[in-house]
Amino acid sequence: MEETTMNQNNSMEAKPDNNLVWAILSTVLCCLPLGIVAIIKSTKVNELWAQGDYEGAKKAAADAKKFAIWGAAIGGIFVILYIIFVVVLGVAGNGF
């Protein structure tokens, strides 16, 4: 169930997704430092929303998503570079 609240313009506003799942996956599978930052940002979303800082909650959710994506991208780049490294060493080791 999604929480909603009335903003200053009297329109309904939904609580932003905290992206905690993506932050945890990024931490475990990809890039530990950026994943930890993403987890910290994502845990702030609910707290800020409950305090009435709706803009702060939206910014924390966006930051959590950004850091999770960057962590996954960096992890993916490292995997690709590792595969290239292994292939180059394999070819070089065979004397081609």
N, C-alpha and C. Protein backbone atom coordinates (compact mmCIF):
# COMPACT_ATOMS: atom_id res chain seq x y z
N MET A 1 0.84 -1.18 0.00
CA MET A 1 0.00 0.00 0.00
C MET A 1 0.88 1.24 0.00
N GLU A 2 0.60 2.13 -0.90
CA GLU A 2 1.42 3.32 -1.06
C GLU A 2 0.85 4.46 -0.23
N GLU A 3 1.72 5.11 0.53
CA GLU A 3 1.29 6.24 1.34
C GLU A 3 1.19 7.48 0.47
N THR A 4 0.17 8.28 0.76
CA THR A 4 0.03 9.56 0.07
C THR A 4 -0.17 10.64 1.10
N THR A 5 0.10 11.86 0.70
CA THR A 5 -0.08 13.00 1.59
C THR A 5 -0.47 14.20 0.74
N MET A 6 -1.04 15.19 1.39
CA MET A 6 -1.39 16.42 0.70
C MET A 6 -0.18 17.35 0.74
N ASN A 7 0.19 17.90 -0.41
CA ASN A 7 1.29 18.85 -0.42
C ASN A 7 0.75 20.27 -0.28
N GLN A 8 1.59 21.26 -0.39
CA GLN A 8 1.20 22.65 -0.17
C GLN A 8 0.20 23.15 -1.21
N ASN A 9 0.17 22.52 -2.38
CA ASN A 9 -0.76 22.93 -3.43
C ASN A 9 -2.07 22.17 -3.35
N ASN A 10 -2.32 21.46 -2.25
CA ASN A 10 -3.53 20.67 -2.03
C ASN A 10 -3.71 19.56 -3.07
N SER A 11 -2.62 19.00 -3.55
CA SER A 11 -2.71 17.85 -4.43
C SER A 11 -2.08 16.65 -3.72
N MET A 12 -2.55 15.47 -4.07
CA MET A 12 -2.05 14.26 -3.43
C MET A 12 -0.66 13.93 -3.96
N GLU A 13 0.19 13.53 -3.05
CA GLU A 13 1.56 13.22 -3.42
C GLU A 13 1.91 11.85 -2.83
N ALA A 14 2.42 10.94 -3.66
CA ALA A 14 2.77 9.59 -3.21
C ALA A 14 4.18 9.57 -2.65
N LYS A 15 4.38 8.74 -1.63
CA LYS A 15 5.71 8.59 -1.05
C LYS A 15 6.63 7.94 -2.09
N PRO A 16 7.83 8.48 -2.26
CA PRO A 16 8.74 7.91 -3.26
C PRO A 16 9.26 6.54 -2.84
N ASP A 17 9.56 5.71 -3.83
CA ASP A 17 10.16 4.40 -3.57
C ASP A 17 11.55 4.62 -3.00
N ASN A 18 11.89 3.90 -1.94
CA ASN A 18 13.19 4.13 -1.31
C ASN A 18 14.33 3.39 -2.01
N ASN A 19 14.06 2.52 -2.96
CA ASN A 19 15.07 1.81 -3.75
C ASN A 19 16.02 0.98 -2.89
N LEU A 20 15.55 0.51 -1.74
CA LEU A 20 16.40 -0.26 -0.84
C LEU A 20 16.84 -1.58 -1.46
N VAL A 21 15.95 -2.24 -2.19
CA VAL A 21 16.31 -3.52 -2.80
C VAL A 21 17.46 -3.34 -3.78
N TRP A 22 17.37 -2.31 -4.61
CA TRP A 22 18.43 -2.05 -5.59
C TRP A 22 19.73 -1.67 -4.90
N ALA A 23 19.63 -0.94 -3.81
CA ALA A 23 20.83 -0.57 -3.06
C ALA A 23 21.52 -1.79 -2.48
N ILE A 24 20.73 -2.71 -1.92
CA ILE A 24 21.30 -3.93 -1.35
C ILE A 24 21.91 -4.80 -2.44
N LEU A 25 21.20 -4.96 -3.55
CA LEU A 25 21.75 -5.77 -4.65
C LEU A 25 23.03 -5.16 -5.20
N SER A 26 23.06 -3.85 -5.31
CA SER A 26 24.27 -3.18 -5.79
C SER A 26 25.43 -3.40 -4.83
N THR A 27 25.14 -3.39 -3.53
CA THR A 27 26.18 -3.59 -2.52
C THR A 27 26.72 -5.00 -2.58
N VAL A 28 25.84 -5.97 -2.64
CA VAL A 28 26.24 -7.38 -2.57
C VAL A 28 26.88 -7.86 -3.87
N LEU A 29 26.31 -7.46 -5.00
CA LEU A 29 26.75 -8.01 -6.28
C LEU A 29 27.74 -7.16 -7.06
N CYS A 30 27.83 -5.89 -6.75
CA CYS A 30 28.60 -5.02 -7.65
C CYS A 30 29.70 -4.23 -6.95
N CYS A 31 29.33 -3.16 -6.33
CA CYS A 31 30.31 -2.21 -5.84
C CYS A 31 29.98 -1.84 -4.40
N LEU A 32 30.76 -2.33 -3.46
CA LEU A 32 30.50 -2.16 -2.04
C LEU A 32 30.42 -0.70 -1.60
N PRO A 33 31.39 0.16 -1.91
CA PRO A 33 31.32 1.55 -1.39
C PRO A 33 30.09 2.32 -1.86
N LEU A 34 29.79 2.27 -3.14
CA LEU A 34 28.62 3.01 -3.64
C LEU A 34 27.33 2.36 -3.17
N GLY A 35 27.33 1.05 -3.00
CA GLY A 35 26.15 0.36 -2.49
C GLY A 35 25.84 0.77 -1.07
N ILE A 36 26.86 0.94 -0.25
CA ILE A 36 26.65 1.36 1.14
C ILE A 36 26.05 2.77 1.17
N VAL A 37 26.55 3.65 0.34
CA VAL A 37 25.99 5.00 0.27
C VAL A 37 24.53 4.93 -0.17
N ALA A 38 24.23 4.07 -1.13
CA ALA A 38 22.85 3.91 -1.60
C ALA A 38 21.94 3.39 -0.49
N ILE A 39 22.44 2.45 0.32
CA ILE A 39 21.64 1.94 1.44
C ILE A 39 21.37 3.05 2.45
N ILE A 40 22.38 3.83 2.77
CA ILE A 40 22.19 4.92 3.73
C ILE A 40 21.16 5.92 3.22
N LYS A 41 21.26 6.29 1.94
CA LYS A 41 20.30 7.24 1.36
C LYS A 41 18.89 6.64 1.35
N SER A 42 18.78 5.35 1.01
CA SER A 42 17.45 4.75 0.91
C SER A 42 16.78 4.61 2.27
N THR A 43 17.55 4.42 3.33
CA THR A 43 16.95 4.32 4.65
C THR A 43 16.48 5.68 5.17
N LYS A 44 16.97 6.75 4.60
CA LYS A 44 16.55 8.10 5.00
C LYS A 44 15.19 8.48 4.42
N VAL A 45 14.76 7.82 3.35
CA VAL A 45 13.54 8.22 2.65
C VAL A 45 12.33 8.17 3.59
N ASN A 46 12.10 7.03 4.23
CA ASN A 46 10.93 6.89 5.10
C ASN A 46 10.98 7.85 6.28
N GLU A 47 12.18 8.03 6.83
CA GLU A 47 12.35 8.93 7.97
C GLU A 47 12.02 10.38 7.57
N LEU A 48 12.54 10.82 6.46
CA LEU A 48 12.28 12.19 6.00
C LEU A 48 10.80 12.38 5.66
N TRP A 49 10.20 11.37 5.05
CA TRP A 49 8.79 11.46 4.69
C TRP A 49 7.93 11.58 5.95
N ALA A 50 8.25 10.79 6.97
CA ALA A 50 7.49 10.83 8.22
C ALA A 50 7.64 12.17 8.93
N GLN A 51 8.79 12.82 8.76
CA GLN A 51 9.02 14.13 9.37
C GLN A 51 8.36 15.27 8.60
N GLY A 52 7.83 14.96 7.42
CA GLY A 52 7.18 15.98 6.61
C GLY A 52 8.10 16.66 5.62
N ASP A 53 9.33 16.20 5.52
CA ASP A 53 10.30 16.75 4.56
C ASP A 53 10.15 15.99 3.25
N TYR A 54 9.10 16.32 2.49
CA TYR A 54 8.78 15.59 1.29
C TYR A 54 9.82 15.78 0.19
N GLU A 55 10.32 16.99 0.05
CA GLU A 55 11.37 17.25 -0.95
C GLU A 55 12.66 16.52 -0.58
N GLY A 56 12.99 16.50 0.70
CA GLY A 56 14.18 15.78 1.16
C GLY A 56 14.04 14.29 0.91
N ALA A 57 12.83 13.74 1.11
CA ALA A 57 12.59 12.33 0.86
C ALA A 57 12.73 12.00 -0.62
N LYS A 58 12.22 12.89 -1.47
CA LYS A 58 12.35 12.68 -2.93
C LYS A 58 13.82 12.72 -3.35
N LYS A 59 14.56 13.67 -2.79
CA LYS A 59 15.98 13.78 -3.12
C LYS A 59 16.76 12.56 -2.63
N ALA A 60 16.46 12.09 -1.42
CA ALA A 60 17.14 10.90 -0.89
C ALA A 60 16.83 9.68 -1.75
N ALA A 61 15.58 9.55 -2.21
CA ALA A 61 15.20 8.42 -3.07
C ALA A 61 15.94 8.50 -4.41
N ALA A 62 16.02 9.70 -4.96
CA ALA A 62 16.74 9.87 -6.23
C ALA A 62 18.23 9.58 -6.06
N ASP A 63 18.81 10.04 -4.95
CA ASP A 63 20.22 9.78 -4.68
C ASP A 63 20.48 8.29 -4.49
N ALA A 64 19.59 7.61 -3.77
CA ALA A 64 19.76 6.17 -3.56
C ALA A 64 19.74 5.43 -4.89
N LYS A 65 18.82 5.81 -5.76
CA LYS A 65 18.74 5.18 -7.08
C LYS A 65 20.00 5.47 -7.89
N LYS A 66 20.45 6.72 -7.83
CA LYS A 66 21.65 7.12 -8.59
C LYS A 66 22.88 6.33 -8.14
N PHE A 67 23.08 6.22 -6.82
CA PHE A 67 24.25 5.50 -6.33
C PHE A 67 24.15 4.01 -6.61
N ALA A 68 22.95 3.44 -6.56
CA ALA A 68 22.78 2.02 -6.88
C ALA A 68 23.09 1.76 -8.35
N ILE A 69 22.63 2.65 -9.22
CA ILE A 69 22.90 2.49 -10.65
C ILE A 69 24.40 2.65 -10.94
N TRP A 70 25.03 3.66 -10.34
CA TRP A 70 26.47 3.85 -10.54
C TRP A 70 27.25 2.64 -10.03
N GLY A 71 26.85 2.11 -8.87
CA GLY A 71 27.52 0.93 -8.32
C GLY A 71 27.39 -0.26 -9.24
N ALA A 72 26.19 -0.48 -9.79
CA ALA A 72 25.97 -1.59 -10.71
C ALA A 72 26.77 -1.39 -12.00
N ALA A 73 26.81 -0.15 -12.50
CA ALA A 73 27.56 0.13 -13.73
C ALA A 73 29.05 -0.11 -13.53
N ILE A 74 29.58 0.36 -12.42
CA ILE A 74 31.01 0.16 -12.15
C ILE A 74 31.31 -1.32 -11.97
N GLY A 75 30.43 -2.04 -11.28
CA GLY A 75 30.61 -3.48 -11.13
C GLY A 75 30.60 -4.18 -12.47
N GLY A 76 29.67 -3.78 -13.35
CA GLY A 76 29.60 -4.37 -14.69
C GLY A 76 30.85 -4.08 -15.51
N ILE A 77 31.36 -2.87 -15.40
CA ILE A 77 32.59 -2.51 -16.12
C ILE A 77 33.76 -3.36 -15.64
N PHE A 78 33.86 -3.56 -14.33
CA PHE A 78 34.94 -4.39 -13.80
C PHE A 78 34.83 -5.84 -14.28
N VAL A 79 33.61 -6.36 -14.37
CA VAL A 79 33.43 -7.73 -14.87
C VAL A 79 33.86 -7.82 -16.32
N ILE A 80 33.47 -6.86 -17.13
CA ILE A 80 33.86 -6.86 -18.55
C ILE A 80 35.37 -6.76 -18.69
N LEU A 81 36.00 -5.86 -17.92
CA LEU A 81 37.46 -5.74 -17.98
C LEU A 81 38.16 -7.03 -17.53
N TYR A 82 37.60 -7.69 -16.52
CA TYR A 82 38.17 -8.95 -16.05
C TYR A 82 38.08 -10.02 -17.14
N ILE A 83 36.94 -10.10 -17.81
CA ILE A 83 36.78 -11.09 -18.88
C ILE A 83 37.77 -10.81 -20.01
N ILE A 84 37.91 -9.55 -20.38
CA ILE A 84 38.88 -9.19 -21.42
C ILE A 84 40.29 -9.57 -20.98
N PHE A 85 40.63 -9.30 -19.74
CA PHE A 85 41.94 -9.63 -19.20
C PHE A 85 42.20 -11.13 -19.26
N VAL A 86 41.22 -11.93 -18.87
CA VAL A 86 41.37 -13.39 -18.88
C VAL A 86 41.52 -13.90 -20.32
N VAL A 87 40.74 -13.36 -21.23
CA VAL A 87 40.83 -13.78 -22.64
C VAL A 87 42.19 -13.42 -23.21
N VAL A 88 42.69 -12.23 -22.93
CA VAL A 88 43.99 -11.80 -23.45
C VAL A 88 45.10 -12.70 -22.88
N LEU A 89 45.04 -12.99 -21.61
CA LEU A 89 46.04 -13.87 -21.02
C LEU A 89 45.94 -15.28 -21.58
N GLY A 90 44.73 -15.74 -21.84
CA GLY A 90 44.55 -17.07 -22.43
C GLY A 90 45.12 -17.15 -23.82
N VAL A 91 44.89 -16.13 -24.62
CA VAL A 91 45.44 -16.10 -25.98
C VAL A 91 46.94 -15.97 -25.93
N ALA A 92 47.46 -15.13 -25.05
CA ALA A 92 48.91 -14.95 -24.95
C ALA A 92 49.58 -16.21 -24.43
N GLY A 93 48.91 -16.95 -23.58
CA GLY A 93 49.48 -18.17 -23.03
C GLY A 93 49.51 -19.30 -24.04
N ASN A 94 48.70 -19.25 -25.06
CA ASN A 94 48.67 -20.29 -26.09
C ASN A 94 49.65 -20.04 -27.20
N GLY A 95 50.38 -18.93 -27.17
CA GLY A 95 51.40 -18.65 -28.15
C GLY A 95 50.92 -18.12 -29.47
N PHE A 96 49.72 -17.56 -29.52
CA PHE A 96 49.23 -17.00 -30.78
C PHE A 96 49.82 -15.69 -31.04
